[in-house]
Amino acid sequence: MILLVSLALARPTSGGSYAFDDTDTVTSVDGPAGTARVWYSTEGNNQVLQGDADKNGVPDFAELVAETTEDVLAFYEEEGFRTIPDDGTAGGSAAMDVYLVDFHGDADGHYSTESCEGDVCSGYFVMENDFSGYGYSSDEEAVRVLTSHELFHGIQGAYDYDEEIWYQEGTAVWAERLYDPDSRDFLDFCSAYLEDTGRSLSEPPAGPVPTFAYATALWWWFVTERYGEAWMADYMEGTTESDDLLAVLDERVDLAMDWVDFASWNLATGHLAGVEDSYEFAEDLVAPKLEDRDDFLDDDQRFYPLATTYYLLEHPGGPLQFGLEADAPDLVFRLYATNADGQLDGLVAEPASTMGIQELGDFDAGDYYFFGTNPTLAEDSTKVRFCLGADVSECVPEVEDTGGTPEPDKPTSCGCGGPSAPTWLAVAALGLLRRRVR
């Protein structure tokens, strides 16, 4: 996880929760370009990972961190992002300071904002000193993940540090893959999103920073696949002008259409991938979690804004009907067939979101995947009963033709995302901890 501590707390050389102590002999090494300085302990409780293959007196791990930090900084600049404000003489120079300390398995790093002018802040970051027992495949992988993630928090601070946690962590995980297309960490978090698609994009669970906040990286990757990598820097410029991230988002994409396509791409993942449009890494993800699977679907479901619920219909073959108890104009429904290999293979129906029973046609026996999604920024969710099967008349009565427009029952509704995520200031006080997902 990432711990984003509140402003003005001491650096690890001067105390704090994860810091050097009296047993440590602390020194530093600068990167080749002079844009990064890495602080480490040569002996003591926070002793850095040992090993000095080139016999130059500097641990290889500290040099790896310095070189990778400088490479990531240069990469983000080439991608068109603002540069991280320098910290003046803090740490003895204007270089980006990285501190290697022992997190005791609690986390693997954190970025700290330190000095701000308005909402633009400089900072430094702290990283695990040896990654022993952390599950990364190599020291190189661990360092790539941490530097690309933490430094993107620094990039965020160059625009507006005071933004919502789902955006901060989701875009930082997005940046991991931007820098390293082979990032397993990115894939792990994206799979975590597919386990909780029924939750609104901007409403992670309450409490300490949850996995879901990081997992929104999948949405950001979808958007930049559609609009190009340069889109992100343009979007971040907009975050300096508005407190409403979703409003800025809505200005820069075709949100309703894009969200429905996002829901479709997310279905074509895991064992369902291979035929329908989806991510190039779709087979490396898990397929989305299903709300239900049966030969007849009957659900009184609450659909939250920017959220999707998936189902599997095990159709015995023959006619298929869809029914809604009430009009649900904010919702979009789609039904997909599968092929002989079990892959998603073709949109076969997109029922209207109007009250009553709809005849979808005759279908061969087989597995059909169905989803309902709410691609809007509505303030309320939509709760509605639907049925999908051979005969839904017992579930959803037919609308009688009275010569006029029937008055639908008003669907019940509630707040758009369940429990609110903590505000940025609350999180800053508590700290953002970079979650270990493996």
Protein backbone atom coordinates (compact mmCIF):
# COMPACT_ATOMS: atom_id res chain seq x y z
CA MET A 1 0.00 0.00 0.00
CA ILE A 2 0.91 3.69 -0.01
CA LEU A 3 1.04 5.78 3.05
CA LEU A 4 0.41 9.41 2.21
CA VAL A 5 1.11 11.08 5.51
CA SER A 6 -0.08 14.51 6.49
CA LEU A 7 2.01 17.53 5.75
CA ALA A 8 4.96 18.58 7.90
CA LEU A 9 5.59 15.18 9.52
CA ALA A 10 9.24 14.31 10.00
CA ARG A 11 11.24 12.54 7.31
CA PRO A 12 12.55 9.05 8.14
CA THR A 13 15.90 10.55 9.09
CA SER A 14 14.13 12.54 11.83
CA GLY A 15 11.54 10.11 13.21
CA GLY A 16 8.07 8.90 12.32
CA SER A 17 6.18 5.60 12.03
CA TYR A 18 8.56 4.11 9.46
CA ALA A 19 11.95 5.65 10.07
CA PHE A 20 15.59 5.04 10.77
CA ASP A 21 16.53 4.63 14.41
CA ASP A 22 19.55 4.93 16.67
CA THR A 23 20.93 1.55 15.52
CA ASP A 24 21.19 2.69 11.90
CA THR A 25 24.19 4.10 10.09
CA VAL A 26 22.52 6.23 7.43
CA THR A 27 24.11 7.44 4.21
CA SER A 28 22.94 8.28 0.68
CA VAL A 29 23.72 7.77 -3.00
CA ASP A 30 22.73 9.99 -5.92
CA GLY A 31 21.50 8.68 -9.25
CA PRO A 32 23.62 9.18 -12.39
CA ALA A 33 21.57 12.20 -13.52
CA GLY A 34 21.48 13.81 -10.08
CA THR A 35 17.67 13.93 -10.00
CA ALA A 36 17.29 11.26 -7.29
CA ARG A 37 18.95 10.73 -3.92
CA VAL A 38 18.47 7.44 -2.06
CA TRP A 39 18.95 7.25 1.71
CA TYR A 40 19.77 3.87 3.26
CA SER A 41 21.29 2.24 6.32
CA THR A 42 24.53 0.25 6.03
CA GLU A 43 23.95 -1.41 9.40
CA GLY A 44 21.22 -1.46 12.03
CA ASN A 45 17.53 -2.32 12.20
CA ASN A 46 16.85 -0.80 8.77
CA GLN A 47 19.91 -2.16 6.99
CA VAL A 48 19.39 -2.14 3.23
CA LEU A 49 19.43 -5.33 1.18
CA GLN A 50 23.05 -6.43 0.98
CA GLY A 51 25.01 -7.15 -2.19
CA ASP A 52 27.65 -5.15 -4.05
CA ALA A 53 28.48 -6.95 -7.27
CA ASP A 54 30.52 -4.10 -8.75
CA LYS A 55 32.48 -3.65 -5.50
CA ASN A 56 32.07 0.13 -5.51
CA GLY A 57 31.07 0.29 -1.86
CA VAL A 58 27.40 1.07 -2.55
CA PRO A 59 24.74 -1.67 -2.16
CA ASP A 60 23.38 -2.71 -5.56
CA PHE A 61 19.80 -2.36 -4.27
CA ALA A 62 20.31 1.32 -3.37
CA GLU A 63 21.81 1.97 -6.81
CA LEU A 64 18.91 0.14 -8.48
CA VAL A 65 16.42 2.36 -6.67
CA ALA A 66 18.31 5.53 -7.63
CA GLU A 67 18.60 4.56 -11.31
CA THR A 68 14.98 3.42 -11.58
CA THR A 69 13.71 6.56 -9.85
CA GLU A 70 15.51 8.72 -12.36
CA ASP A 71 14.27 6.60 -15.26
CA VAL A 72 10.65 6.90 -14.08
CA LEU A 73 10.96 10.67 -13.60
CA ALA A 74 12.29 11.06 -17.14
CA PHE A 75 9.60 8.75 -18.53
CA TYR A 76 6.73 10.74 -17.03
CA GLU A 77 8.22 13.98 -18.33
CA GLU A 78 8.42 12.47 -21.83
CA GLU A 79 4.76 11.43 -21.52
CA GLY A 80 3.78 15.07 -21.11
CA PHE A 81 3.04 15.25 -17.38
CA ARG A 82 4.07 18.15 -15.20
CA THR A 83 7.32 17.69 -13.30
CA ILE A 84 7.19 17.11 -9.57
CA PRO A 85 8.00 20.36 -7.74
CA ASP A 86 11.46 20.16 -6.20
CA ASP A 87 11.82 20.27 -2.43
CA GLY A 88 14.43 23.02 -2.29
CA THR A 89 17.23 22.02 0.06
CA ALA A 90 15.24 19.43 2.01
CA GLY A 91 17.35 16.27 2.02
CA GLY A 92 20.37 18.39 1.15
CA SER A 93 19.47 18.98 -2.51
CA ALA A 94 16.60 19.54 -4.90
CA ALA A 95 16.70 15.86 -5.96
CA MET A 96 13.79 13.48 -5.30
CA ASP A 97 14.56 11.84 -1.96
CA VAL A 98 13.85 8.13 -1.48
CA TYR A 99 14.25 6.51 1.96
CA LEU A 100 14.74 2.74 2.35
CA VAL A 101 13.37 1.49 5.68
CA ASP A 102 11.84 -1.69 7.08
CA PHE A 103 8.02 -1.79 6.89
CA HIS A 104 7.93 -5.13 8.76
CA GLY A 105 5.53 -6.57 6.18
CA ASP A 106 2.83 -3.95 6.90
CA ALA A 107 3.22 -2.24 3.53
CA ASP A 108 5.80 -1.73 0.82
CA GLY A 109 6.03 2.05 0.54
CA HIS A 110 4.45 5.47 0.88
CA TYR A 111 4.60 8.90 -0.67
CA SER A 112 4.48 11.98 1.53
CA THR A 113 3.49 15.48 0.50
CA GLU A 114 5.56 18.00 2.39
CA SER A 115 5.62 21.58 1.15
CA CYS A 116 2.72 23.17 -0.75
CA GLU A 117 1.83 26.35 -2.56
CA GLY A 118 -1.92 26.17 -2.80
CA ASP A 119 -2.78 22.64 -3.97
CA VAL A 120 0.62 22.04 -5.63
CA CYS A 121 3.04 20.14 -3.42
CA SER A 122 6.53 18.69 -3.31
CA GLY A 123 7.37 15.55 -1.36
CA TYR A 124 9.46 12.43 -0.96
CA PHE A 125 8.82 8.72 -0.74
CA VAL A 126 9.73 5.81 1.48
CA MET A 127 10.26 2.24 0.28
CA GLU A 128 10.75 -1.19 1.86
CA ASN A 129 14.47 -1.81 2.39
CA ASP A 130 14.72 -5.43 1.20
CA PHE A 131 11.27 -6.81 0.14
CA SER A 132 11.99 -10.03 1.99
CA GLY A 133 8.79 -12.16 2.03
CA TYR A 134 6.79 -9.75 -0.14
CA GLY A 135 6.12 -12.08 -3.07
CA TYR A 136 7.61 -10.01 -5.86
CA SER A 137 9.35 -12.12 -8.49
CA SER A 138 12.53 -10.05 -8.25
CA ASP A 139 14.00 -6.93 -6.66
CA GLU A 140 13.73 -5.27 -10.08
CA GLU A 141 9.99 -5.92 -10.24
CA ALA A 142 9.43 -4.57 -6.73
CA VAL A 143 11.39 -1.41 -7.46
CA ARG A 144 9.60 -0.82 -10.79
CA VAL A 145 6.20 -1.11 -9.10
CA LEU A 146 7.04 1.15 -6.17
CA THR A 147 8.87 3.87 -8.07
CA SER A 148 6.29 4.14 -10.86
CA HIS A 149 3.40 4.18 -8.37
CA GLU A 150 4.88 6.51 -5.75
CA LEU A 151 6.29 8.98 -8.23
CA PHE A 152 2.91 9.25 -9.94
CA HIS A 153 1.57 10.44 -6.59
CA GLY A 154 4.26 13.09 -6.86
CA ILE A 155 2.99 13.93 -10.36
CA GLN A 156 -0.52 14.26 -8.92
CA GLY A 157 0.86 16.74 -6.40
CA ALA A 158 2.08 18.89 -9.29
CA TYR A 159 -1.58 19.39 -10.31
CA ASP A 160 -3.76 19.10 -7.21
CA TYR A 161 -2.83 16.89 -4.26
CA ASP A 162 -6.26 17.30 -2.66
CA GLU A 163 -8.25 14.81 -4.77
CA GLU A 164 -10.36 11.75 -4.01
CA ILE A 165 -8.65 8.52 -3.08
CA TRP A 166 -10.24 6.34 -5.81
CA TYR A 167 -8.72 8.69 -8.39
CA GLN A 168 -5.34 9.03 -6.72
CA GLU A 169 -4.74 5.32 -6.24
CA GLY A 170 -6.46 4.18 -9.44
CA THR A 171 -4.39 6.46 -11.67
CA ALA A 172 -1.19 5.57 -9.80
CA VAL A 173 -1.79 1.86 -10.54
CA TRP A 174 -2.66 2.85 -14.13
CA ALA A 175 0.75 4.53 -14.31
CA GLU A 176 2.47 1.31 -13.23
CA ARG A 177 1.45 -0.34 -16.50
CA LEU A 178 2.14 2.80 -18.51
CA TYR A 179 5.75 2.57 -17.33
CA ASP A 180 5.99 -1.23 -17.30
CA PRO A 181 3.61 -3.06 -19.68
CA ASP A 182 4.46 -6.33 -17.90
CA SER A 183 3.28 -5.10 -14.49
CA ARG A 184 1.69 -7.98 -12.56
CA ASP A 185 0.66 -5.56 -9.83
CA PHE A 186 -1.58 -3.74 -12.29
CA LEU A 187 -3.21 -6.99 -13.42
CA ASP A 188 -3.80 -8.11 -9.83
CA PHE A 189 -5.64 -4.91 -8.99
CA CYS A 190 -7.68 -4.97 -12.22
CA SER A 191 -8.84 -8.48 -11.37
CA ALA A 192 -9.84 -7.15 -7.96
CA TYR A 193 -12.08 -4.59 -9.68
CA LEU A 194 -13.85 -7.38 -11.57
CA GLU A 195 -14.70 -8.95 -8.22
CA ASP A 196 -16.72 -5.86 -7.22
CA THR A 197 -18.21 -4.31 -10.36
CA GLY A 198 -21.55 -3.60 -8.66
CA ARG A 199 -19.94 -0.80 -6.64
CA SER A 200 -19.92 2.76 -8.01
CA LEU A 201 -16.55 3.71 -9.49
CA SER A 202 -16.12 6.69 -7.19
CA GLU A 203 -17.39 5.03 -3.99
CA PRO A 204 -14.79 2.69 -2.46
CA PRO A 205 -15.70 1.13 0.89
CA ALA A 206 -15.27 3.29 3.98
CA GLY A 207 -12.27 2.94 6.27
CA PRO A 208 -8.55 2.61 5.54
CA VAL A 209 -7.70 2.79 1.86
CA PRO A 210 -9.38 -0.27 0.28
CA THR A 211 -8.25 -2.44 -2.61
CA PHE A 212 -11.15 -1.09 -4.69
CA ALA A 213 -9.56 2.37 -4.84
CA TYR A 214 -6.44 0.90 -6.49
CA ALA A 215 -8.56 -1.39 -8.66
CA THR A 216 -10.23 1.51 -10.50
CA ALA A 217 -7.03 1.47 -12.59
CA LEU A 218 -8.94 -0.74 -15.01
CA TRP A 219 -11.32 2.12 -15.90
CA TRP A 220 -8.44 4.53 -16.44
CA TRP A 221 -6.73 2.03 -18.72
CA PHE A 222 -9.93 1.57 -20.73
CA VAL A 223 -10.25 5.33 -21.19
CA THR A 224 -6.67 5.79 -22.37
CA GLU A 225 -6.98 2.80 -24.73
CA ARG A 226 -9.94 4.60 -26.27
CA TYR A 227 -8.64 8.17 -26.25
CA GLY A 228 -4.84 7.75 -26.15
CA GLU A 229 -2.23 7.98 -23.41
CA ALA A 230 -2.02 11.77 -23.77
CA TRP A 231 -5.62 11.99 -22.56
CA MET A 232 -4.56 11.49 -18.94
CA ALA A 233 -2.33 14.56 -18.77
CA ASP A 234 -5.15 16.64 -20.26
CA TYR A 235 -7.60 15.25 -17.72
CA MET A 236 -5.23 16.03 -14.85
CA GLU A 237 -4.98 19.64 -16.05
CA GLY A 238 -8.76 19.78 -15.65
CA THR A 239 -8.58 18.58 -12.05
CA THR A 240 -6.92 21.86 -11.10
CA GLU A 241 -10.05 23.71 -12.19
CA SER A 242 -12.81 21.70 -10.54
CA ASP A 243 -13.48 19.80 -7.34
CA ASP A 244 -15.78 17.43 -9.22
CA LEU A 245 -13.65 14.71 -10.82
CA LEU A 246 -16.65 13.05 -12.43
CA ALA A 247 -17.86 16.31 -13.97
CA VAL A 248 -14.42 16.84 -15.50
CA LEU A 249 -14.50 13.24 -16.71
CA ASP A 250 -17.92 13.71 -18.30
CA GLU A 251 -16.60 16.72 -20.22
CA ARG A 252 -13.72 14.74 -21.72
CA VAL A 253 -15.35 11.44 -22.71
CA ASP A 254 -18.68 10.17 -24.02
CA LEU A 255 -19.40 8.79 -20.58
CA ALA A 256 -22.70 6.98 -21.26
CA MET A 257 -21.43 5.14 -24.33
CA ASP A 258 -17.93 4.55 -22.94
CA TRP A 259 -19.22 3.09 -19.69
CA VAL A 260 -21.45 0.55 -21.45
CA ASP A 261 -18.53 -0.50 -23.64
CA PHE A 262 -16.35 -0.72 -20.52
CA ALA A 263 -18.91 -3.07 -18.99
CA SER A 264 -18.80 -5.18 -22.16
CA TRP A 265 -14.99 -5.27 -22.24
CA ASN A 266 -14.96 -6.34 -18.61
CA LEU A 267 -17.24 -9.26 -19.41
CA ALA A 268 -14.89 -10.47 -22.16
CA THR A 269 -12.10 -11.33 -19.72
CA GLY A 270 -10.60 -14.44 -18.17
CA HIS A 271 -12.07 -17.65 -19.62
CA LEU A 272 -14.58 -15.55 -21.61
CA ALA A 273 -11.85 -13.64 -23.51
CA GLY A 274 -10.71 -14.20 -27.06
CA VAL A 275 -13.52 -13.17 -29.42
CA GLU A 276 -15.24 -9.97 -28.27
CA ASP A 277 -13.42 -6.63 -28.05
CA SER A 278 -11.50 -6.28 -24.80
CA TYR A 279 -8.07 -5.48 -23.38
CA GLU A 280 -4.94 -7.03 -24.87
CA PHE A 281 -4.37 -8.51 -21.41
CA ALA A 282 -7.98 -9.74 -21.05
CA GLU A 283 -7.00 -13.40 -20.68
CA ASP A 284 -4.73 -12.47 -17.76
CA LEU A 285 -7.68 -11.14 -15.74
CA VAL A 286 -10.43 -13.01 -13.93
CA ALA A 287 -13.92 -12.93 -15.44
CA PRO A 288 -16.27 -10.63 -13.49
CA LYS A 289 -18.08 -11.95 -10.43
CA LEU A 290 -21.63 -13.11 -11.16
CA GLU A 291 -24.60 -12.03 -9.10
CA ASP A 292 -26.49 -15.18 -10.09
CA ARG A 293 -26.48 -18.11 -12.51
CA ASP A 294 -29.59 -20.14 -13.36
CA ASP A 295 -31.92 -21.16 -16.18
CA PHE A 296 -34.28 -18.38 -15.05
CA LEU A 297 -33.09 -15.04 -13.67
CA ASP A 298 -35.30 -13.13 -11.25
CA ASP A 299 -33.64 -10.33 -9.32
CA ASP A 300 -34.79 -7.24 -7.46
CA GLN A 301 -31.53 -5.39 -7.95
CA ARG A 302 -30.17 -1.97 -7.05
CA PHE A 303 -28.01 -0.54 -9.82
CA TYR A 304 -25.64 2.20 -8.70
CA PRO A 305 -24.29 4.93 -11.00
CA LEU A 306 -21.13 3.84 -12.83
CA ALA A 307 -21.52 0.24 -11.71
CA THR A 308 -22.46 -3.04 -13.42
CA THR A 309 -24.02 -6.33 -12.30
CA TYR A 310 -23.41 -9.56 -14.24
CA TYR A 311 -25.43 -12.79 -14.55
CA LEU A 312 -25.24 -16.14 -16.32
CA LEU A 313 -28.39 -17.56 -17.95
CA GLU A 314 -28.18 -21.32 -18.55
CA HIS A 315 -30.81 -21.34 -21.28
CA PRO A 316 -32.38 -24.72 -22.19
CA GLY A 317 -33.21 -23.42 -25.67
CA GLY A 318 -36.29 -21.85 -27.22
CA PRO A 319 -38.08 -18.50 -26.70
CA LEU A 320 -36.60 -15.94 -24.36
CA GLN A 321 -38.38 -13.06 -22.67
CA PHE A 322 -37.18 -10.09 -20.62
CA GLY A 323 -39.37 -8.21 -18.20
CA LEU A 324 -39.08 -5.10 -16.02
CA GLU A 325 -41.46 -4.21 -13.19
CA ALA A 326 -40.94 -0.50 -13.77
CA ASP A 327 -39.32 1.90 -16.19
CA ALA A 328 -35.60 2.28 -15.55
CA PRO A 329 -34.41 4.92 -18.04
CA ASP A 330 -30.94 5.22 -16.53
CA LEU A 331 -30.13 1.54 -17.11
CA VAL A 332 -28.72 -0.37 -20.06
CA PHE A 333 -29.09 -4.16 -20.42
CA ARG A 334 -27.15 -6.47 -22.72
CA LEU A 335 -27.26 -10.21 -23.45
CA TYR A 336 -24.27 -12.05 -24.93
CA ALA A 337 -23.97 -15.56 -26.35
CA THR A 338 -21.01 -17.90 -25.92
CA ASN A 339 -19.35 -20.19 -28.45
CA ALA A 340 -18.44 -23.88 -28.22
CA ASP A 341 -15.23 -22.95 -26.40
CA GLY A 342 -17.12 -21.01 -23.73
CA GLN A 343 -15.87 -17.62 -24.94
CA LEU A 344 -18.09 -14.58 -25.13
CA ASP A 345 -19.25 -14.46 -28.75
CA GLY A 346 -21.74 -11.88 -29.87
CA LEU A 347 -24.24 -9.38 -28.52
CA VAL A 348 -27.62 -11.04 -29.16
CA ALA A 349 -30.04 -8.66 -27.43
CA GLU A 350 -30.16 -5.24 -25.83
CA PRO A 351 -33.57 -5.09 -24.13
CA ALA A 352 -35.23 -1.72 -23.65
CA SER A 353 -35.31 -0.38 -20.09
CA THR A 354 -39.09 0.07 -20.11
CA MET A 355 -41.73 -1.55 -17.94
CA GLY A 356 -43.34 -4.71 -19.25
CA ILE A 357 -42.45 -7.91 -21.11
CA GLN A 358 -40.28 -8.04 -24.23
CA GLU A 359 -39.94 -10.98 -26.61
CA LEU A 360 -36.25 -11.39 -27.39
CA GLY A 361 -36.62 -14.28 -29.86
CA ASP A 362 -35.71 -17.95 -30.08
CA PHE A 363 -32.25 -18.94 -28.90
CA ASP A 364 -30.23 -22.14 -29.01
CA ALA A 365 -29.52 -23.95 -25.76
CA GLY A 366 -26.36 -22.72 -24.07
CA ASP A 367 -24.80 -20.23 -21.69
CA TYR A 368 -25.72 -16.56 -22.11
CA TYR A 369 -24.18 -13.73 -20.13
CA PHE A 370 -26.36 -10.81 -19.15
CA PHE A 371 -25.58 -7.50 -17.47
CA GLY A 372 -27.33 -4.40 -16.27
CA THR A 373 -25.36 -1.20 -15.92
CA ASN A 374 -26.02 2.38 -14.89
CA PRO A 375 -23.81 4.60 -17.11
CA THR A 376 -24.97 7.89 -15.57
CA LEU A 377 -23.91 10.39 -12.93
CA ALA A 378 -27.35 10.24 -11.33
CA GLU A 379 -27.50 11.20 -7.66
CA ASP A 380 -29.60 8.14 -6.86
CA SER A 381 -29.37 4.47 -7.66
CA THR A 382 -32.16 2.63 -9.50
CA LYS A 383 -33.80 -0.36 -7.82
CA VAL A 384 -35.90 -2.49 -10.13
CA ARG A 385 -37.04 -6.09 -10.46
CA PHE A 386 -36.23 -7.82 -13.73
CA CYS A 387 -36.68 -11.33 -15.07
CA LEU A 388 -35.04 -13.18 -17.94
CA GLY A 389 -36.20 -16.61 -19.09
CA ALA A 390 -38.57 -18.62 -21.26
CA ASP A 391 -41.72 -17.15 -19.68
CA VAL A 392 -41.58 -14.13 -17.35
CA SER A 393 -45.35 -13.53 -17.12
CA GLU A 394 -45.48 -14.84 -13.54
CA CYS A 395 -42.66 -12.48 -12.64
CA VAL A 396 -43.50 -9.25 -14.47
CA PRO A 397 -47.14 -8.64 -15.44
CA GLU A 398 -47.80 -7.43 -18.96
CA VAL A 399 -48.64 -3.75 -19.35
CA GLU A 400 -52.29 -3.41 -20.29
CA ASP A 401 -53.13 -1.24 -23.26
CA THR A 402 -55.56 1.29 -21.80
CA GLY A 403 -55.28 3.67 -24.70
CA GLY A 404 -52.90 5.92 -22.86
CA THR A 405 -49.45 5.81 -21.35
CA PRO A 406 -49.38 3.62 -18.24
CA GLU A 407 -48.15 5.21 -15.06
CA PRO A 408 -45.16 3.12 -13.92
CA ASP A 409 -44.43 2.40 -10.31
CA LYS A 410 -41.75 4.73 -9.08
CA PRO A 411 -38.56 2.74 -8.45
CA THR A 412 -37.10 3.09 -5.03
CA SER A 413 -33.70 4.72 -4.76
CA CYS A 414 -30.99 5.63 -2.34
CA GLY A 415 -27.59 7.29 -2.33
CA CYS A 416 -25.47 6.45 -5.35
CA GLY A 417 -22.76 4.39 -3.82
CA GLY A 418 -23.47 3.09 -0.38
CA PRO A 419 -21.05 4.17 2.34
CA SER A 420 -19.06 7.23 1.41
CA ALA A 421 -15.33 6.95 0.98
CA PRO A 422 -13.26 8.98 3.47
CA THR A 423 -12.46 12.52 2.43
CA TRP A 424 -8.93 13.35 1.37
CA LEU A 425 -8.20 15.22 4.57
CA ALA A 426 -9.36 12.32 6.70
CA VAL A 427 -7.17 9.99 4.68
CA ALA A 428 -4.24 12.36 4.94
CA ALA A 429 -4.60 12.30 8.70
CA LEU A 430 -4.80 8.50 8.79
CA GLY A 431 -2.31 7.78 6.03
CA LEU A 432 -2.52 5.99 2.69
CA LEU A 433 -0.86 2.64 2.75
CA ARG A 434 0.05 0.79 -0.43
CA ARG A 435 -1.72 -2.54 -0.19
CA ARG A 436 0.12 -5.75 -0.95
CA VAL A 437 -2.13 -7.77 -3.25
CA ARG A 438 -0.14 -10.94 -3.74
